[in-house]
Structure formats: structure tokens, C-alpha cells
């Protein structure tokens, strides 16, 4: 999407939506495969942490990347940009409290380094987002010989009326963690699976479709800094849909069948854990968008934050069908912001 917001204004026109099957849809601006790598160093003289990021747009991507956001909550001490890229500092456009960069395209198959932040706060997991650019947006199409404006509903284009709260590709990386935030270690699995998926895994193995139903189990591992009994359970939210847990319980031990290394680690954990169940429909995983799922809530006076990688699902006619139905019912004409 070339602009953050695109508004369509129609004057004295009869307006209607048309199905994507009757109009040639452009490639979704979210149809890219990014790999984000991070490095962190600490300078004892300045007492500052330096965070460096590199973005690889895989050759399988269909569109270039032109913007990058890292959630820092508050403004960092300094920020550097790659050549031909600029920063607007701390923004709330796509991710609340994020440092951002935008500039020359990172085309499919290319890698770009030089994204850098300096902060006095130590590292932990945080959220990133990116924007891609399609050749065209599904803007107004004027039918020949008719005063009728039509808007195609195309897979991957989250128009106003869709269920998306933040319809831009997101994932998890490393960034500064201010004192107002506490990081929670979480692991997830479908109810019938034996093995959990966690951020410690190098590659995401759990794939969740927007069409999936049923329950997903999330376990939050307690530690010396996080007593799960002090979490405000009623504030917990998970995923794009900010789903509320349908069930929670405090447990002493978590067993992971098929993961001997993790089992050994869990046996040594003397702290209580919080077990949660969420309805996948409420979690609302988005195609072309979600490469991680995020847990938020309140822990005493701090904001609790946890994340786990998942395999993202590409948008097509089938995986976007839920959004298409929502969009067709809506009467407004603007790109979801």
C-alpha cells in the first residue's frame, strides 16, 4: 500500500462492490516474505544498548518492502537509517509506540542492513511491522458506458469493514524493553497437539489459517521475575482479535511430549505457570499478515507482553473469504488503517 490511508470520495454516483472474480485484482501489498535479523551490543562507557537490524526480502516475495517499524514504546536515544531511507521518529500509525523507517524499495531477493537504534533499556522480544508496495491499489473502477463506481474486493486488501485491527505484516524481533513492560515467555499449541510452539524455536512450525476453528492452548511460564498469580487475568488479550481467554488455570508443571530438551528445562522450573485456552475464531489470525501472535495484559503496575512465531498463511480467494463477506456488508470506502 503506497499510502497509509486512502479515501474514496464519490459524488453523484451509484456505488457498488464487485466480486474479485469479475475484476483482475492486483497483487496484495502484503505478499512478501521478510526475514529480520537483529544484533545487540552494550557500551559500558555510554551505558547504551545498540540494536542493529537487517531485512531480507526473500526471492519468493511478489512485492518490494518500503517501510519498517520496531515497537520501542518510548523514543530511543538515537536512530540511524540505511542510505536512501529516512525516519519520522516515534510513531503510532501501525504499531503504538514504534520507531520507523521508510525509503527505497527492498526488492524480492534483496537484503538491506543499516537500521539502528540506541537505547538505555535492555533487550527483549518486541513487535515489528512492515509495509509492502503493490503496483496498483484496488481503487475505483469506472464501468464503461455507466455512471457507476465499483470497488473490487481483492484478497489481501483489508478494506474498511474487515476484521483487521492492524492489517500490515507483523512479526517478533528483539528490541529495547522499558521498565513499564514485563516480558512473558509463552508457548502455544492446538488442543490435540503434543508439542508446543515457542519463540525459542528458530523456525515457526505451527500454521494457523483464518478459517481454523476450535481452541488453542497458551502456557505462560512463570519465573523469578513473573509470579503468574499476580497477573490480572481479566486483562489478558491474544492475537489480532484481542481474544479473551475462555479458560485459565495455574499449574505447577507443563509436560511437552516429543520435546525432551524442553521437558528437561520445564522440570527445573520451580515456578507456577498460567495455562490459558482461547477460541481461534476470536484470535482472528489474518492471511498475509500474521507471522506471530501476541499476548498482552497487566502484571501489577506493568504491561505484560508475550509473543510466539507462527507460519503465516497466504491470502487467496478461500483464506480471504471471511473478510470478503464483511467488506461487502460495509458501506464505507476507504482502506483500513
Protein backbone atom coordinates (compact mmCIF):
# COMPACT_ATOMS: atom_id res chain seq x y z
CA UNK A 1 0.00 0.00 0.00
CA UNK A 2 1.63 3.20 -1.13
CA UNK A 3 -0.07 5.43 1.40
CA UNK A 4 -1.11 4.87 4.98
CA UNK A 5 -4.66 5.97 4.27
CA UNK A 6 -6.57 6.08 1.03
CA UNK A 7 -10.00 7.61 0.99
CA UNK A 8 -12.50 7.22 -1.81
CA UNK A 9 -14.96 10.06 -2.34
CA UNK A 10 -17.84 9.55 -4.72
CA UNK A 11 -20.15 12.41 -5.69
CA UNK A 12 -23.44 11.84 -7.54
CA UNK A 13 -22.50 8.25 -8.35
CA UNK A 14 -24.31 5.00 -7.75
CA UNK A 15 -21.83 2.87 -5.80
CA UNK A 16 -21.48 -0.88 -5.53
CA UNK A 17 -18.89 -3.54 -4.72
CA UNK A 18 -17.85 -6.07 -7.31
CA UNK A 19 -16.55 -9.54 -6.65
CA UNK A 20 -12.81 -10.16 -7.08
CA UNK A 21 -13.65 -12.87 -9.62
CA UNK A 22 -15.08 -10.27 -12.04
CA UNK A 23 -12.17 -7.82 -11.76
CA UNK A 24 -8.48 -8.53 -12.19
CA UNK A 25 -7.07 -7.94 -8.75
CA UNK A 26 -3.56 -6.54 -8.25
CA UNK A 27 -1.05 -8.42 -6.12
CA UNK A 28 -1.56 -7.77 -2.41
CA UNK A 29 0.90 -5.23 -0.93
CA UNK A 30 1.37 -7.75 1.88
CA UNK A 31 2.58 -10.55 -0.43
CA UNK A 32 6.19 -10.56 0.71
CA UNK A 33 8.38 -12.91 2.75
CA UNK A 34 10.66 -11.00 5.14
CA UNK A 35 13.47 -12.27 7.34
CA UNK A 36 14.51 -9.87 10.10
CA UNK A 37 17.81 -10.41 11.90
CA UNK A 38 18.95 -8.39 14.91
CA UNK A 39 22.17 -7.78 16.80
CA UNK A 40 22.54 -6.17 20.23
CA UNK A 41 25.66 -4.72 21.84
CA UNK A 42 26.26 -2.77 25.07
CA UNK A 43 28.68 0.13 25.58
CA UNK A 44 29.85 0.39 29.18
CA UNK A 45 31.06 3.95 28.63
CA UNK A 46 27.75 5.34 27.44
CA UNK A 47 25.52 2.76 29.18
CA UNK A 48 23.63 2.41 25.93
CA UNK A 49 22.46 -0.65 24.02
CA UNK A 50 22.80 -0.59 20.24
CA UNK A 51 20.22 -2.51 18.23
CA UNK A 52 21.03 -3.29 14.60
CA UNK A 53 18.55 -4.78 12.12
CA UNK A 54 18.81 -6.32 8.70
CA UNK A 55 15.87 -7.12 6.41
CA UNK A 56 15.93 -9.78 3.72
CA UNK A 57 13.05 -9.82 1.26
CA UNK A 58 13.07 -13.42 0.06
CA UNK A 59 13.09 -14.22 -3.63
CA UNK A 60 9.67 -15.84 -3.27
CA UNK A 61 8.16 -12.43 -2.44
CA UNK A 62 5.89 -10.81 -5.01
CA UNK A 63 6.29 -7.18 -3.92
CA UNK A 64 9.02 -4.91 -2.50
CA UNK A 65 9.20 -3.63 1.09
CA UNK A 66 9.40 0.11 1.72
CA UNK A 67 8.73 0.67 5.45
CA UNK A 68 9.87 -0.94 8.71
CA UNK A 69 8.60 -0.39 12.28
CA UNK A 70 10.01 -1.61 15.62
CA UNK A 71 8.00 -1.17 18.79
CA UNK A 72 10.07 0.58 21.48
CA UNK A 73 7.17 2.11 23.50
CA UNK A 74 9.16 5.31 24.06
CA UNK A 75 11.59 7.32 21.95
CA UNK A 76 15.12 5.91 21.71
CA UNK A 77 18.33 7.87 22.35
CA UNK A 78 19.29 7.86 18.67
CA UNK A 79 18.36 6.29 15.35
CA UNK A 80 20.27 5.64 12.13
CA UNK A 81 18.92 4.78 8.70
CA UNK A 82 20.25 2.96 5.64
CA UNK A 83 21.15 5.04 2.58
CA UNK A 84 18.04 6.41 0.84
CA UNK A 85 15.89 5.71 3.92
CA UNK A 86 14.51 8.22 6.43
CA UNK A 87 12.85 8.08 9.83
CA UNK A 88 9.99 10.05 11.36
CA UNK A 89 10.93 9.02 14.89
CA UNK A 90 8.36 7.63 17.30
CA UNK A 91 5.01 6.90 15.62
CA UNK A 92 1.65 5.32 16.43
CA UNK A 93 0.46 4.66 12.86
CA UNK A 94 0.74 0.88 12.59
CA UNK A 95 2.19 -0.13 15.94
CA UNK A 96 1.68 2.02 19.01
CA UNK A 97 4.99 3.47 20.19
CA UNK A 98 7.24 2.37 17.32
CA UNK A 99 10.37 3.77 15.74
CA UNK A 100 10.06 3.68 11.97
CA UNK A 101 11.95 3.86 8.70
CA UNK A 102 10.80 4.23 5.09
CA UNK A 103 12.63 4.61 1.82
CA UNK A 104 13.85 2.96 -1.36
CA UNK A 105 12.35 -0.42 -2.15
CA UNK A 106 13.85 -3.65 -0.84
CA UNK A 107 13.03 -5.77 -3.87
CA UNK A 108 12.43 -9.53 -3.75
CA UNK A 109 15.79 -11.27 -3.32
CA UNK A 110 17.48 -8.22 -1.79
CA UNK A 111 18.86 -7.65 1.73
CA UNK A 112 19.23 -4.28 3.41
CA UNK A 113 21.16 -3.50 6.61
CA UNK A 114 21.79 -0.23 8.43
CA UNK A 115 18.68 0.05 10.58
CA UNK A 116 19.96 1.06 14.01
CA UNK A 117 18.64 2.22 17.38
CA UNK A 118 20.36 3.21 20.61
CA UNK A 119 18.54 2.88 23.92
CA UNK A 120 19.33 2.80 27.61
CA UNK A 121 16.97 -0.14 28.02
CA UNK A 122 18.00 -3.82 27.82
CA UNK A 123 16.86 -6.23 25.11
CA UNK A 124 13.79 -8.42 24.99
CA UNK A 125 11.22 -9.55 22.47
CA UNK A 126 9.14 -6.91 20.74
CA UNK A 127 6.91 -6.46 17.71
CA UNK A 128 7.84 -5.33 14.22
CA UNK A 129 5.73 -4.40 11.21
CA UNK A 130 6.44 -3.72 7.54
CA UNK A 131 4.72 -2.21 4.53
CA UNK A 132 4.96 -3.53 1.01
CA UNK A 133 4.06 -1.86 -2.27
CA UNK A 134 1.79 -3.28 -4.93
CA UNK A 135 1.78 -1.96 -8.50
CA UNK A 136 -1.82 -0.90 -8.05
CA UNK A 137 -4.37 -0.47 -5.30
CA UNK A 138 -7.90 -1.81 -5.84
CA UNK A 139 -9.20 1.71 -6.27
CA UNK A 140 -12.32 2.89 -8.03
CA UNK A 141 -13.06 1.21 -11.33
CA UNK A 142 -15.44 3.04 -13.67
CA UNK A 143 -17.53 0.73 -15.79
CA UNK A 144 -17.70 1.60 -19.47
CA UNK A 145 -20.83 3.45 -20.53
CA UNK A 146 -22.12 3.59 -16.98
CA UNK A 147 -22.04 6.18 -14.20
CA UNK A 148 -21.26 3.54 -11.62
CA UNK A 149 -18.25 3.39 -9.34
CA UNK A 150 -17.18 -0.07 -8.27
CA UNK A 151 -14.65 -1.25 -5.69
CA UNK A 152 -13.19 -4.74 -6.20
CA UNK A 153 -12.81 -6.85 -3.08
CA UNK A 154 -9.37 -8.39 -3.55
CA UNK A 155 -7.56 -10.97 -1.36
CA UNK A 156 -5.05 -9.29 0.92
CA UNK A 157 -6.60 -5.82 0.72
CA UNK A 158 -8.20 -5.18 4.11
CA UNK A 159 -10.78 -2.52 3.27
CA UNK A 160 -12.84 -0.73 5.88
CA UNK A 161 -15.31 -3.17 7.37
CA UNK A 162 -12.83 -6.04 7.60
CA UNK A 163 -12.00 -7.66 10.92
CA UNK A 164 -8.38 -6.44 10.84
CA UNK A 165 -7.21 -4.13 13.61
CA UNK A 166 -3.69 -3.83 12.19
CA UNK A 167 -3.67 -5.19 8.61
CA UNK A 168 0.08 -4.96 7.98
CA UNK A 169 2.56 -7.85 8.11
CA UNK A 170 3.96 -8.22 11.61
CA UNK A 171 6.39 -10.43 13.46
CA UNK A 172 8.61 -10.68 16.50
CA UNK A 173 12.18 -9.44 16.89
CA UNK A 174 14.50 -8.10 19.61
CA UNK A 175 14.27 -4.54 20.87
CA UNK A 176 14.58 -2.34 23.98
CA UNK A 177 12.25 -3.14 26.87
CA UNK A 178 11.39 -0.11 29.07
CA UNK A 179 10.62 -0.52 32.80
CA UNK A 180 6.89 -0.18 32.10
CA UNK A 181 6.84 -3.55 30.29
CA UNK A 182 7.47 -7.09 31.51
CA UNK A 183 8.22 -9.89 29.06
CA UNK A 184 6.30 -13.15 29.39
CA UNK A 185 7.59 -16.42 27.96
CA UNK A 186 4.69 -18.10 26.21
CA UNK A 187 4.22 -21.33 24.26
CA UNK A 188 1.21 -22.39 22.22
CA UNK A 189 -0.37 -25.49 20.68
CA UNK A 190 -3.67 -26.76 19.38
CA UNK A 191 -5.54 -28.78 21.97
CA UNK A 192 -4.80 -32.13 20.28
CA UNK A 193 -1.13 -31.43 19.53
CA UNK A 194 1.60 -32.91 21.69
CA UNK A 195 4.28 -30.29 21.18
CA UNK A 196 4.12 -26.57 21.96
CA UNK A 197 5.44 -23.83 19.69
CA UNK A 198 7.60 -21.20 21.35
CA UNK A 199 9.70 -18.20 20.44
CA UNK A 200 12.86 -20.15 21.30
CA UNK A 201 12.35 -22.20 18.13
CA UNK A 202 14.46 -20.96 15.23
CA UNK A 203 11.66 -21.58 12.75
CA UNK A 204 7.92 -21.39 13.29
CA UNK A 205 6.29 -24.77 12.82
CA UNK A 206 2.67 -24.04 13.74
CA UNK A 207 0.50 -22.89 10.84
CA UNK A 208 -2.89 -21.35 11.61
CA UNK A 209 -5.39 -20.43 8.91
CA UNK A 210 -8.03 -17.69 9.23
CA UNK A 211 -10.54 -20.49 8.62
CA UNK A 212 -9.36 -22.66 11.54
CA UNK A 213 -11.73 -23.21 14.45
CA UNK A 214 -11.54 -24.78 17.87
CA UNK A 215 -9.36 -23.92 20.83
CA UNK A 216 -5.69 -23.05 21.11
CA UNK A 217 -3.77 -23.52 24.36
CA UNK A 218 -1.29 -20.92 25.58
CA UNK A 219 1.03 -21.52 28.51
CA UNK A 220 2.78 -18.62 30.22
CA UNK A 221 5.88 -19.82 32.06
CA UNK A 222 6.47 -18.25 35.45
CA UNK A 223 9.96 -17.27 36.62
CA UNK A 224 11.70 -15.33 39.39
CA UNK A 225 10.53 -12.03 37.89
CA UNK A 226 6.99 -13.05 36.99
CA UNK A 227 4.60 -14.56 39.53
CA UNK A 228 1.66 -15.73 37.41
CA UNK A 229 -0.73 -15.41 40.36
CA UNK A 230 -0.25 -11.63 40.16
CA UNK A 231 -1.42 -11.37 36.53
CA UNK A 232 -4.76 -9.61 36.05
CA UNK A 233 -6.40 -12.45 34.13
CA UNK A 234 -9.33 -10.29 33.01
CA UNK A 235 -6.91 -8.01 31.10
CA UNK A 236 -5.32 -10.80 29.01
CA UNK A 237 -5.78 -10.50 25.23
CA UNK A 238 -4.39 -12.68 22.44
CA UNK A 239 -3.97 -12.18 18.69
CA UNK A 240 -5.41 -9.71 16.18
CA UNK A 241 -8.88 -10.21 17.60
CA UNK A 242 -7.66 -9.42 21.13
CA UNK A 243 -9.35 -12.62 22.24
CA UNK A 244 -10.19 -13.12 25.90
CA UNK A 245 -9.31 -16.48 27.46
CA UNK A 246 -12.23 -18.88 27.74
CA UNK A 247 -10.41 -20.79 30.50
CA UNK A 248 -7.40 -20.18 32.77
CA UNK A 249 -5.70 -22.21 35.47
CA UNK A 250 -2.49 -22.01 37.48
CA UNK A 251 -0.43 -25.21 37.18
CA UNK A 252 2.81 -26.43 38.71
CA UNK A 253 4.19 -28.34 35.74
CA UNK A 254 3.85 -28.37 31.96
CA UNK A 255 4.73 -31.55 30.07
CA UNK A 256 5.74 -31.48 26.42
CA UNK A 257 5.55 -34.83 24.67
CA UNK A 258 8.12 -35.21 21.93
CA UNK A 259 10.39 -32.42 23.20
CA UNK A 260 12.92 -33.95 25.57
CA UNK A 261 15.04 -30.81 25.79
CA UNK A 262 12.10 -28.61 26.73
CA UNK A 263 10.80 -31.22 29.16
CA UNK A 264 14.14 -31.23 30.95
CA UNK A 265 14.04 -27.45 31.14
CA UNK A 266 10.48 -27.43 32.50
CA UNK A 267 11.34 -29.97 35.19
CA UNK A 268 13.85 -27.49 36.59
CA UNK A 269 11.31 -24.69 36.63
CA UNK A 270 10.16 -24.34 40.23
CA UNK A 271 7.70 -21.57 39.45
CA UNK A 272 3.99 -21.83 38.75
CA UNK A 273 2.68 -21.42 35.21
CA UNK A 274 -0.52 -19.97 33.77
CA UNK A 275 -2.45 -22.20 31.36
CA UNK A 276 -4.95 -20.44 29.05
CA UNK A 277 -7.36 -21.51 26.32
CA UNK A 278 -8.56 -19.20 23.53
CA UNK A 279 -11.12 -19.62 20.79
CA UNK A 280 -9.30 -19.48 17.43
CA UNK A 281 -12.21 -17.64 15.87
CA UNK A 282 -11.74 -14.87 18.43
CA UNK A 283 -7.94 -14.83 17.99
CA UNK A 284 -8.64 -13.93 14.34
CA UNK A 285 -5.43 -14.85 12.52
CA UNK A 286 -5.09 -12.85 9.28
CA UNK A 287 -3.74 -14.20 5.98
CA UNK A 288 -0.72 -12.34 4.52
CA UNK A 289 -0.33 -10.53 7.85
CA UNK A 290 0.32 -12.57 11.00
CA UNK A 291 3.78 -14.07 11.38
CA UNK A 292 3.46 -14.01 15.16
CA UNK A 293 0.75 -13.97 17.81
CA UNK A 294 0.97 -11.55 20.72
CA UNK A 295 -0.29 -11.79 24.29
CA UNK A 296 -0.92 -8.61 26.27
CA UNK A 297 -2.25 -7.87 29.73
CA UNK A 298 -1.48 -6.32 33.08
CA UNK A 299 1.01 -7.57 35.66
CA UNK A 300 0.75 -5.47 38.81
CA UNK A 301 1.60 -1.96 37.50
CA UNK A 302 3.37 -3.17 34.34
CA UNK A 303 2.23 -4.03 30.83
CA UNK A 304 2.67 -7.72 30.16
CA UNK A 305 3.87 -8.73 26.68
CA UNK A 306 4.48 -12.14 25.15
CA UNK A 307 4.92 -13.37 21.59
CA UNK A 308 5.32 -16.56 19.61
CA UNK A 309 6.17 -17.08 15.95
CA UNK A 310 3.74 -18.84 13.62
CA UNK A 311 3.84 -19.74 9.93
CA UNK A 312 1.85 -17.18 8.02
CA UNK A 313 -0.86 -18.11 5.54
CA UNK A 314 -1.09 -16.55 2.08
CA UNK A 315 -4.25 -14.74 1.07
CA UNK A 316 -6.31 -16.25 -1.71
CA UNK A 317 -10.00 -16.42 -2.54
CA UNK A 318 -10.55 -19.09 0.13
CA UNK A 319 -8.48 -17.75 3.03
CA UNK A 320 -9.82 -14.23 2.46
CA UNK A 321 -13.47 -15.32 2.19
CA UNK A 322 -14.33 -14.25 5.75
CA UNK A 323 -13.06 -10.72 5.15
CA UNK A 324 -14.76 -10.51 1.78
CA UNK A 325 -18.15 -11.14 3.37
CA UNK A 326 -17.54 -8.46 5.99
CA UNK A 327 -16.36 -5.88 3.47
CA UNK A 328 -19.35 -6.40 1.18
CA UNK A 329 -21.70 -5.59 4.02
CA UNK A 330 -19.95 -2.31 4.79
CA UNK A 331 -20.98 0.99 3.23
CA UNK A 332 -17.76 2.98 3.56
CA UNK A 333 -15.00 3.29 1.01
CA UNK A 334 -11.54 3.60 2.46
CA UNK A 335 -8.51 1.40 3.03
CA UNK A 336 -8.37 0.04 6.58
CA UNK A 337 -5.90 2.00 8.71
